Amino acid sequence: MAMGMAGVLFVVGSLLSFVVACQATKVYTVGDEAGWTLGYDYHKWAAGKKFHVGNTLVFNYIHNEMSILNVVRVNITAYAKCVSHPNMGLYESGSDKIVLSAPGHMWFIFRTPDHYESDMKLKINVRKPHPNKHKTPSPAPAPTTEGIPSSSPTSAPAPAHATEGIPPYSPPASSPASTPASASNPIFLKRLTWLPWH
């Protein structure tokens, strides 16, 4: 029974660690199937989502000679003014992966102001890492033997200070007075001769 419980605890601990690891490395595709495009409501897309440090944002869009799409990470001032300079990153690969490395707000826009006014912008709040992200699962407890009798009882040895300088115990030699009377004892025979019926 104890071994079975230890196995169950190990499996449960492993599953919890796996779930925590998945949460810590979650990937969000901005706009889902629509990707990063004109005419999409990214405020609505981000609503209700919980972004954590360690998650990744993926911006997918068409990138070729004819495409003008890009992603610009800006601060709150540039976001409010609809400008892309100064910025903290310009991405133009068509599949931009941005790891959320610190807690706080992040703002993303499309570099052309005309399209910025068309809601091609994203604002998110990044939370601190999941509390258990860096913790390793505790090993399963060793099977207990509580309530199970031991096959060979043992006793703890006496402390060293209790036996220092004391000779080992030896039982006292028996004295003649403690020897029971018997018919072969000469004193016993002598006493028998003094009995009054003799």
Protein backbone atom coordinates (compact mmCIF):
# COMPACT_ATOMS: atom_id res chain seq x y z
CA MET A 1 0.00 0.00 0.00
CA ALA A 2 2.81 2.41 0.92
CA MET A 3 4.63 1.72 -2.35
CA GLY A 4 1.41 2.28 -4.29
CA MET A 5 0.83 5.65 -2.62
CA ALA A 6 4.43 6.73 -3.30
CA GLY A 7 3.95 5.88 -6.97
CA VAL A 8 0.71 7.88 -7.16
CA LEU A 9 2.36 10.90 -5.49
CA PHE A 10 5.26 10.73 -7.95
CA VAL A 11 2.91 10.64 -10.96
CA VAL A 12 0.80 13.54 -9.63
CA GLY A 13 3.95 15.60 -8.91
CA SER A 14 5.28 14.93 -12.41
CA LEU A 15 2.00 15.98 -14.04
CA LEU A 16 1.87 19.22 -12.01
CA SER A 17 5.45 20.03 -13.00
CA PHE A 18 4.56 19.41 -16.66
CA VAL A 19 1.52 21.74 -16.44
CA VAL A 20 3.61 24.47 -14.79
CA ALA A 21 6.31 24.11 -17.46
CA CYS A 22 3.69 24.37 -20.23
CA GLN A 23 2.26 27.53 -18.68
CA ALA A 24 5.74 29.05 -18.39
CA THR A 25 6.52 28.44 -22.10
CA LYS A 26 3.10 29.21 -23.59
CA VAL A 27 3.10 30.62 -27.13
CA TYR A 28 0.45 33.14 -28.19
CA THR A 29 -0.12 33.70 -31.91
CA VAL A 30 -1.31 37.29 -32.13
CA GLY A 31 -4.70 37.38 -33.85
CA ASP A 32 -4.81 33.55 -33.92
CA GLU A 33 -5.63 32.39 -37.49
CA ALA A 34 -6.02 35.97 -38.76
CA GLY A 35 -2.48 36.88 -37.70
CA TRP A 36 -1.17 40.46 -37.73
CA THR A 37 -3.36 42.19 -40.29
CA LEU A 38 -5.54 45.20 -41.03
CA GLY A 39 -9.08 45.42 -39.70
CA TYR A 40 -8.63 43.08 -36.72
CA ASP A 41 -9.52 43.99 -33.11
CA TYR A 42 -6.39 43.14 -31.10
CA HIS A 43 -7.80 44.69 -27.93
CA LYS A 44 -10.56 42.09 -28.03
CA TRP A 45 -8.03 39.33 -28.81
CA ALA A 46 -5.87 40.21 -25.77
CA ALA A 47 -8.84 40.60 -23.40
CA GLY A 48 -8.97 37.81 -20.80
CA LYS A 49 -5.56 36.40 -21.70
CA LYS A 50 -2.93 36.14 -18.96
CA PHE A 51 0.54 36.79 -20.30
CA HIS A 52 3.48 35.77 -18.09
CA VAL A 53 7.23 36.26 -18.22
CA GLY A 54 8.59 33.41 -20.32
CA ASN A 55 5.62 33.34 -22.73
CA THR A 56 6.17 34.08 -26.42
CA LEU A 57 4.19 36.31 -28.81
CA VAL A 58 4.23 35.32 -32.47
CA PHE A 59 3.26 37.89 -35.09
CA ASN A 60 2.42 36.19 -38.40
CA TYR A 61 1.88 38.28 -41.53
CA ILE A 62 2.72 38.31 -45.22
CA HIS A 63 6.26 39.50 -45.85
CA ASN A 64 7.51 40.07 -49.39
CA GLU A 65 8.53 42.91 -51.71
CA MET A 66 4.93 44.04 -52.09
CA SER A 67 4.11 43.88 -48.36
CA ILE A 68 4.55 46.86 -46.06
CA LEU A 69 3.57 45.08 -42.84
CA ASN A 70 5.87 45.02 -39.81
CA VAL A 71 5.77 45.06 -36.00
CA VAL A 72 7.21 47.86 -33.88
CA ARG A 73 7.55 47.71 -30.11
CA VAL A 74 7.08 51.16 -28.64
CA ASN A 75 6.65 52.86 -25.26
CA ILE A 76 3.39 54.31 -23.95
CA THR A 77 4.16 57.79 -25.29
CA ALA A 78 4.76 56.59 -28.85
CA TYR A 79 1.68 54.37 -28.58
CA ALA A 80 -0.47 57.33 -27.52
CA LYS A 81 0.95 59.63 -30.24
CA CYS A 82 0.73 57.01 -32.99
CA VAL A 83 4.43 57.24 -33.82
CA SER A 84 6.99 54.48 -34.21
CA HIS A 85 10.04 56.44 -33.08
CA PRO A 86 11.67 56.01 -30.65
CA ASN A 87 11.09 52.30 -30.51
CA MET A 88 12.45 49.25 -28.68
CA GLY A 89 12.40 46.93 -31.65
CA LEU A 90 11.42 46.76 -35.31
CA TYR A 91 10.43 43.33 -36.65
CA GLU A 92 9.93 42.52 -40.34
CA SER A 93 10.39 38.76 -40.77
CA GLY A 94 6.73 37.84 -41.28
CA SER A 95 6.91 35.42 -38.35
CA ASP A 96 8.28 37.48 -35.48
CA LYS A 97 8.75 35.70 -32.18
CA ILE A 98 9.04 37.96 -29.14
CA VAL A 99 9.77 36.42 -25.75
CA LEU A 100 8.19 38.26 -22.83
CA SER A 101 11.24 38.71 -20.66
CA ALA A 102 10.05 41.17 -17.98
CA PRO A 103 6.81 42.02 -16.18
CA GLY A 104 4.92 45.19 -17.12
CA HIS A 105 3.03 46.70 -20.04
CA MET A 106 4.12 46.23 -23.64
CA TRP A 107 2.87 48.13 -26.70
CA PHE A 108 3.11 47.06 -30.36
CA ILE A 109 2.04 48.95 -33.47
CA PHE A 110 2.36 48.89 -37.25
CA ARG A 111 4.88 51.51 -38.34
CA THR A 112 2.64 53.42 -40.76
CA PRO A 113 0.42 55.90 -38.87
CA ASP A 114 -2.52 55.44 -41.26
CA HIS A 115 -2.74 51.79 -40.38
CA TYR A 116 -2.08 52.50 -36.70
CA GLU A 117 -5.33 54.46 -36.65
CA SER A 118 -7.03 51.37 -38.11
CA ASP A 119 -6.53 49.43 -34.82
CA MET A 120 -3.43 47.62 -35.99
CA LYS A 121 -1.99 47.87 -32.49
CA LEU A 122 -1.64 45.68 -29.44
CA LYS A 123 -1.25 46.44 -25.73
CA ILE A 124 -0.63 43.69 -23.17
CA ASN A 125 0.22 43.41 -19.49
CA VAL A 126 2.93 40.86 -18.71
CA ARG A 127 2.73 39.25 -15.28
CA LYS A 128 5.51 37.87 -13.15
CA PRO A 129 6.57 34.27 -13.78
CA HIS A 130 4.40 31.52 -12.41
CA PRO A 131 5.41 30.97 -8.73
CA ASN A 132 6.47 27.36 -9.39
CA LYS A 133 8.29 27.92 -12.64
CA HIS A 134 11.83 27.51 -11.24
CA LYS A 135 11.02 24.98 -8.56
CA THR A 136 11.87 21.37 -9.20
CA PRO A 137 9.36 18.79 -8.03
CA SER A 138 10.09 17.26 -4.66
CA PRO A 139 10.98 13.57 -4.76
CA ALA A 140 8.25 11.19 -3.70
CA PRO A 141 8.41 10.26 -0.03
CA ALA A 142 10.03 6.95 0.83
CA PRO A 143 7.59 4.14 1.65
CA THR A 144 6.73 4.09 5.31
CA THR A 145 6.84 1.01 7.51
CA GLU A 146 4.76 2.55 10.27
CA GLY A 147 2.49 -0.05 11.83
CA ILE A 148 4.40 -2.96 10.29
CA PRO A 149 6.22 -5.12 12.87
CA SER A 150 9.95 -5.48 12.39
CA SER A 151 11.35 -8.96 11.79
CA SER A 152 14.21 -8.50 14.26
CA PRO A 153 13.86 -5.93 17.03
CA THR A 154 16.92 -3.88 17.72
CA SER A 155 17.91 -1.87 20.73
CA ALA A 156 19.89 1.31 20.72
CA PRO A 157 23.43 1.03 22.14
CA ALA A 158 24.11 2.73 25.43
CA PRO A 159 25.74 6.14 25.21
CA ALA A 160 29.54 6.06 25.39
CA HIS A 161 29.71 8.27 28.51
CA ALA A 162 27.49 5.90 30.48
CA THR A 163 30.00 3.00 30.37
CA GLU A 164 33.33 4.82 30.60
CA GLY A 165 35.50 3.55 33.48
CA ILE A 166 32.94 0.94 34.66
CA PRO A 167 33.99 -2.72 34.44
CA PRO A 168 31.63 -5.08 32.70
CA TYR A 169 28.91 -6.62 34.84
CA SER A 170 29.48 -10.12 36.28
CA PRO A 171 26.99 -11.87 38.59
CA PRO A 172 28.13 -12.37 42.24
CA ALA A 173 29.46 -15.79 43.29
CA SER A 174 26.98 -17.81 45.34
CA SER A 175 27.74 -18.05 49.07
CA PRO A 176 27.42 -21.25 51.14
CA ALA A 177 24.61 -19.71 53.15
CA SER A 178 22.51 -19.42 50.06
CA THR A 179 23.05 -23.04 49.05
CA PRO A 180 19.92 -25.08 49.76
CA ALA A 181 20.22 -27.94 52.25
CA SER A 182 20.61 -31.35 50.79
CA ALA A 183 21.15 -34.88 52.10
CA SER A 184 24.81 -34.79 51.08
CA ASN A 185 25.55 -31.73 53.23
CA PRO A 186 27.33 -32.85 56.52
CA ILE A 187 25.68 -30.06 58.57
CA PHE A 188 22.31 -31.22 57.43
CA LEU A 189 23.10 -34.82 58.52
CA LYS A 190 24.33 -33.67 61.94
CA ARG A 191 21.14 -31.73 62.58
CA LEU A 192 19.11 -34.82 61.78
CA THR A 193 20.79 -36.72 64.64
CA TRP A 194 19.68 -34.15 67.21
CA LEU A 195 16.03 -34.52 66.48
CA PRO A 196 14.02 -35.55 69.65
CA TRP A 197 12.56 -38.70 68.21
CA HIS A 198 16.00 -40.24 68.05
